[in-house]
Structure formats: structure tokens, C-alpha cells
Amino acid sequence: MSIPTIRWALKRIANRGGIEANVYPHRFRHTYACQLLDNGAPLEFIQGMLGNEKASTTQIYAQLRGERRRELYRRFF
């Protein structure tokens, strides 16, 4: 199955389910990585699960999560 076919199928399923958010394959990958990180998985494990060759690519998820935490902290405190 090609990436465009997967993208098309996901959008179609989202439309049928009434999901208004922009759904695309990379969003699932990003969510998976962030969930692993939030549950304490080490970056090396996440890197292996995602198949990233460079650790720096996986570290982007940790930086994004850190920014999100700071944003929430500022918002509520």
C-alpha cells in the first residue's frame, strides 16, 4: 500500500466518523512517539521503534514535549 493510498484511506475513515481534525499518517507516528515518551520510554527505545537512524531525529519529540509542558505550566500557574 502506498503512502498516498494510506493517507486517502485515513481521511475517508475520519470523514465517515465525523472527525474534523486533520488526520494523516505522520500524526499517528508522532502520537505514538509522544505516548511512549510520556510513559517513560527512553529515547533509544523510541528511536528503535520508529526506525529512526539518527538519535537527533527522535530527540525532536522530547523537545516538543518539553515545550508543551512549559506552555501548560505558564497557562495554569
N, C-alpha and C. Protein backbone atom coordinates (compact mmCIF):
# COMPACT_ATOMS: atom_id res chain seq x y z
N MET A 1 0.84 -1.16 0.00
CA MET A 1 0.00 0.00 0.00
C MET A 1 0.90 1.24 0.00
N SER A 2 0.62 2.17 -0.86
CA SER A 2 1.45 3.38 -0.95
C SER A 2 1.02 4.40 0.10
N ILE A 3 1.89 5.35 0.38
CA ILE A 3 1.59 6.39 1.37
C ILE A 3 0.37 7.22 0.95
N PRO A 4 0.27 7.64 -0.32
CA PRO A 4 -0.94 8.38 -0.71
C PRO A 4 -2.23 7.57 -0.51
N THR A 5 -2.18 6.28 -0.73
CA THR A 5 -3.35 5.43 -0.53
C THR A 5 -3.71 5.37 0.95
N ILE A 6 -2.72 5.24 1.81
CA ILE A 6 -2.96 5.22 3.25
C ILE A 6 -3.54 6.56 3.68
N ARG A 7 -2.97 7.66 3.19
CA ARG A 7 -3.47 8.99 3.53
C ARG A 7 -4.93 9.14 3.12
N TRP A 8 -5.24 8.71 1.92
CA TRP A 8 -6.61 8.80 1.40
C TRP A 8 -7.57 7.97 2.27
N ALA A 9 -7.15 6.75 2.62
CA ALA A 9 -8.00 5.87 3.43
C ALA A 9 -8.24 6.47 4.82
N LEU A 10 -7.19 7.02 5.43
CA LEU A 10 -7.35 7.63 6.75
C LEU A 10 -8.31 8.82 6.71
N LYS A 11 -8.17 9.66 5.71
CA LYS A 11 -9.06 10.80 5.58
C LYS A 11 -10.51 10.36 5.37
N ARG A 12 -10.68 9.33 4.59
CA ARG A 12 -12.03 8.81 4.34
C ARG A 12 -12.65 8.24 5.62
N ILE A 13 -11.88 7.48 6.37
CA ILE A 13 -12.36 6.92 7.63
C ILE A 13 -12.68 8.04 8.61
N ALA A 14 -11.82 9.06 8.68
CA ALA A 14 -12.06 10.19 9.58
C ALA A 14 -13.35 10.92 9.19
N ASN A 15 -13.56 11.12 7.90
CA ASN A 15 -14.78 11.78 7.44
C ASN A 15 -16.02 10.98 7.81
N ARG A 16 -15.95 9.68 7.64
CA ARG A 16 -17.08 8.82 8.00
C ARG A 16 -17.38 8.88 9.48
N GLY A 17 -16.34 9.02 10.28
CA GLY A 17 -16.51 9.08 11.73
C GLY A 17 -16.82 10.47 12.25
N GLY A 18 -16.89 11.43 11.35
CA GLY A 18 -17.20 12.79 11.76
C GLY A 18 -16.06 13.51 12.46
N ILE A 19 -14.84 13.03 12.24
CA ILE A 19 -13.67 13.65 12.85
C ILE A 19 -13.28 14.86 12.01
N GLU A 20 -13.23 16.02 12.66
CA GLU A 20 -12.93 17.24 11.93
C GLU A 20 -11.44 17.58 11.92
N ALA A 21 -10.67 16.95 12.79
CA ALA A 21 -9.24 17.22 12.85
C ALA A 21 -8.56 16.72 11.58
N ASN A 22 -7.46 17.36 11.25
CA ASN A 22 -6.68 16.93 10.09
C ASN A 22 -5.96 15.62 10.43
N VAL A 23 -6.35 14.55 9.78
CA VAL A 23 -5.79 13.23 10.06
C VAL A 23 -4.84 12.84 8.92
N TYR A 24 -3.64 12.43 9.31
CA TYR A 24 -2.66 11.99 8.32
C TYR A 24 -1.72 10.98 8.99
N PRO A 25 -1.04 10.15 8.21
CA PRO A 25 -0.23 9.06 8.79
C PRO A 25 0.82 9.51 9.80
N HIS A 26 1.48 10.63 9.53
CA HIS A 26 2.55 11.06 10.43
C HIS A 26 2.00 11.46 11.81
N ARG A 27 0.76 11.88 11.86
CA ARG A 27 0.16 12.23 13.15
C ARG A 27 0.12 11.01 14.08
N PHE A 28 -0.17 9.84 13.52
CA PHE A 28 -0.17 8.61 14.31
C PHE A 28 1.22 8.29 14.82
N ARG A 29 2.22 8.47 13.97
CA ARG A 29 3.61 8.23 14.34
C ARG A 29 4.02 9.18 15.46
N HIS A 30 3.67 10.44 15.32
CA HIS A 30 4.02 11.44 16.32
C HIS A 30 3.33 11.13 17.65
N THR A 31 2.05 10.80 17.59
CA THR A 31 1.29 10.48 18.80
C THR A 31 1.89 9.27 19.50
N TYR A 32 2.25 8.26 18.73
CA TYR A 32 2.86 7.04 19.27
C TYR A 32 4.15 7.38 20.01
N ALA A 33 5.00 8.18 19.38
CA ALA A 33 6.28 8.55 20.00
C ALA A 33 6.05 9.36 21.27
N CYS A 34 5.12 10.28 21.23
CA CYS A 34 4.85 11.11 22.41
C CYS A 34 4.26 10.30 23.55
N GLN A 35 3.41 9.35 23.24
CA GLN A 35 2.83 8.49 24.28
C GLN A 35 3.93 7.65 24.93
N LEU A 36 4.82 7.10 24.12
CA LEU A 36 5.94 6.34 24.68
C LEU A 36 6.78 7.21 25.60
N LEU A 37 7.09 8.42 25.13
CA LEU A 37 7.91 9.34 25.91
C LEU A 37 7.21 9.72 27.21
N ASP A 38 5.94 10.05 27.13
CA ASP A 38 5.17 10.43 28.33
C ASP A 38 5.09 9.30 29.35
N ASN A 39 5.18 8.07 28.88
CA ASN A 39 5.10 6.91 29.78
C ASN A 39 6.47 6.41 30.21
N GLY A 40 7.50 7.22 29.95
CA GLY A 40 8.83 6.93 30.48
C GLY A 40 9.74 6.11 29.61
N ALA A 41 9.39 5.85 28.37
CA ALA A 41 10.27 5.08 27.49
C ALA A 41 11.52 5.90 27.16
N PRO A 42 12.69 5.28 27.19
CA PRO A 42 13.91 6.01 26.85
C PRO A 42 13.95 6.34 25.36
N LEU A 43 14.64 7.41 25.03
CA LEU A 43 14.71 7.85 23.63
C LEU A 43 15.31 6.78 22.72
N GLU A 44 16.24 5.99 23.24
CA GLU A 44 16.86 4.94 22.41
C GLU A 44 15.81 3.90 22.00
N PHE A 45 14.90 3.58 22.91
CA PHE A 45 13.83 2.62 22.61
C PHE A 45 12.89 3.21 21.56
N ILE A 46 12.50 4.47 21.75
CA ILE A 46 11.60 5.13 20.81
C ILE A 46 12.26 5.20 19.44
N GLN A 47 13.53 5.51 19.41
CA GLN A 47 14.27 5.58 18.15
C GLN A 47 14.19 4.25 17.42
N GLY A 48 14.37 3.15 18.14
CA GLY A 48 14.30 1.83 17.53
C GLY A 48 12.89 1.49 17.05
N MET A 49 11.88 1.86 17.83
CA MET A 49 10.50 1.56 17.45
C MET A 49 10.07 2.34 16.20
N LEU A 50 10.57 3.57 16.08
CA LEU A 50 10.22 4.39 14.92
C LEU A 50 11.10 4.10 13.71
N GLY A 51 12.23 3.45 13.96
CA GLY A 51 13.14 3.16 12.86
C GLY A 51 13.98 4.35 12.45
N ASN A 52 14.15 5.31 13.36
CA ASN A 52 14.98 6.47 13.05
C ASN A 52 16.45 6.08 13.09
N GLU A 53 17.19 6.53 12.09
CA GLU A 53 18.62 6.23 12.06
C GLU A 53 19.40 7.13 13.00
N LYS A 54 19.00 8.38 13.10
CA LYS A 54 19.73 9.35 13.92
C LYS A 54 18.96 9.62 15.22
N ALA A 55 19.71 9.68 16.31
CA ALA A 55 19.09 9.99 17.60
C ALA A 55 18.53 11.41 17.60
N SER A 56 19.15 12.30 16.84
CA SER A 56 18.69 13.69 16.81
C SER A 56 17.27 13.80 16.26
N THR A 57 16.89 12.90 15.36
CA THR A 57 15.53 12.91 14.82
C THR A 57 14.53 12.57 15.92
N THR A 58 14.88 11.62 16.76
CA THR A 58 14.00 11.21 17.85
C THR A 58 13.95 12.25 18.95
N GLN A 59 15.05 12.97 19.16
CA GLN A 59 15.10 13.98 20.21
C GLN A 59 14.13 15.12 19.95
N ILE A 60 13.71 15.31 18.72
CA ILE A 60 12.73 16.35 18.39
C ILE A 60 11.47 16.13 19.20
N TYR A 61 11.05 14.87 19.38
CA TYR A 61 9.85 14.58 20.15
C TYR A 61 10.02 15.01 21.60
N ALA A 62 11.19 14.78 22.17
CA ALA A 62 11.43 15.16 23.56
C ALA A 62 11.42 16.68 23.69
N GLN A 63 11.97 17.40 22.73
CA GLN A 63 11.97 18.86 22.77
C GLN A 63 10.55 19.40 22.65
N LEU A 64 9.77 18.82 21.76
CA LEU A 64 8.39 19.27 21.60
C LEU A 64 7.61 19.05 22.88
N ARG A 65 7.81 17.92 23.51
CA ARG A 65 7.07 17.62 24.73
C ARG A 65 7.50 18.60 25.83
N GLY A 66 8.78 18.95 25.86
CA GLY A 66 9.24 19.91 26.85
C GLY A 66 8.60 21.27 26.64
N GLU A 67 8.47 21.70 25.40
CA GLU A 67 7.84 22.98 25.09
C GLU A 67 6.38 22.95 25.50
N ARG A 68 5.72 21.84 25.25
CA ARG A 68 4.31 21.70 25.62
C ARG A 68 4.14 21.77 27.13
N ARG A 69 5.05 21.14 27.86
CA ARG A 69 4.98 21.18 29.31
C ARG A 69 5.14 22.62 29.82
N ARG A 70 6.10 23.36 29.25
CA ARG A 70 6.30 24.75 29.66
C ARG A 70 5.06 25.59 29.36
N GLU A 71 4.46 25.34 28.21
CA GLU A 71 3.25 26.07 27.83
C GLU A 71 2.13 25.82 28.83
N LEU A 72 1.93 24.58 29.20
CA LEU A 72 0.88 24.24 30.16
C LEU A 72 1.19 24.82 31.54
N TYR A 73 2.45 24.80 31.91
CA TYR A 73 2.84 25.35 33.21
C TYR A 73 2.50 26.85 33.26
N ARG A 74 2.89 27.57 32.21
CA ARG A 74 2.59 29.01 32.15
C ARG A 74 1.09 29.26 32.17
N ARG A 75 0.34 28.40 31.54
CA ARG A 75 -1.10 28.58 31.43
C ARG A 75 -1.82 28.39 32.77
N PHE A 76 -1.36 27.43 33.55
CA PHE A 76 -2.07 27.11 34.78
C PHE A 76 -1.43 27.63 36.06
N PHE A 77 -0.21 28.17 35.99
CA PHE A 77 0.44 28.65 37.22
C PHE A 77 0.87 30.08 37.07
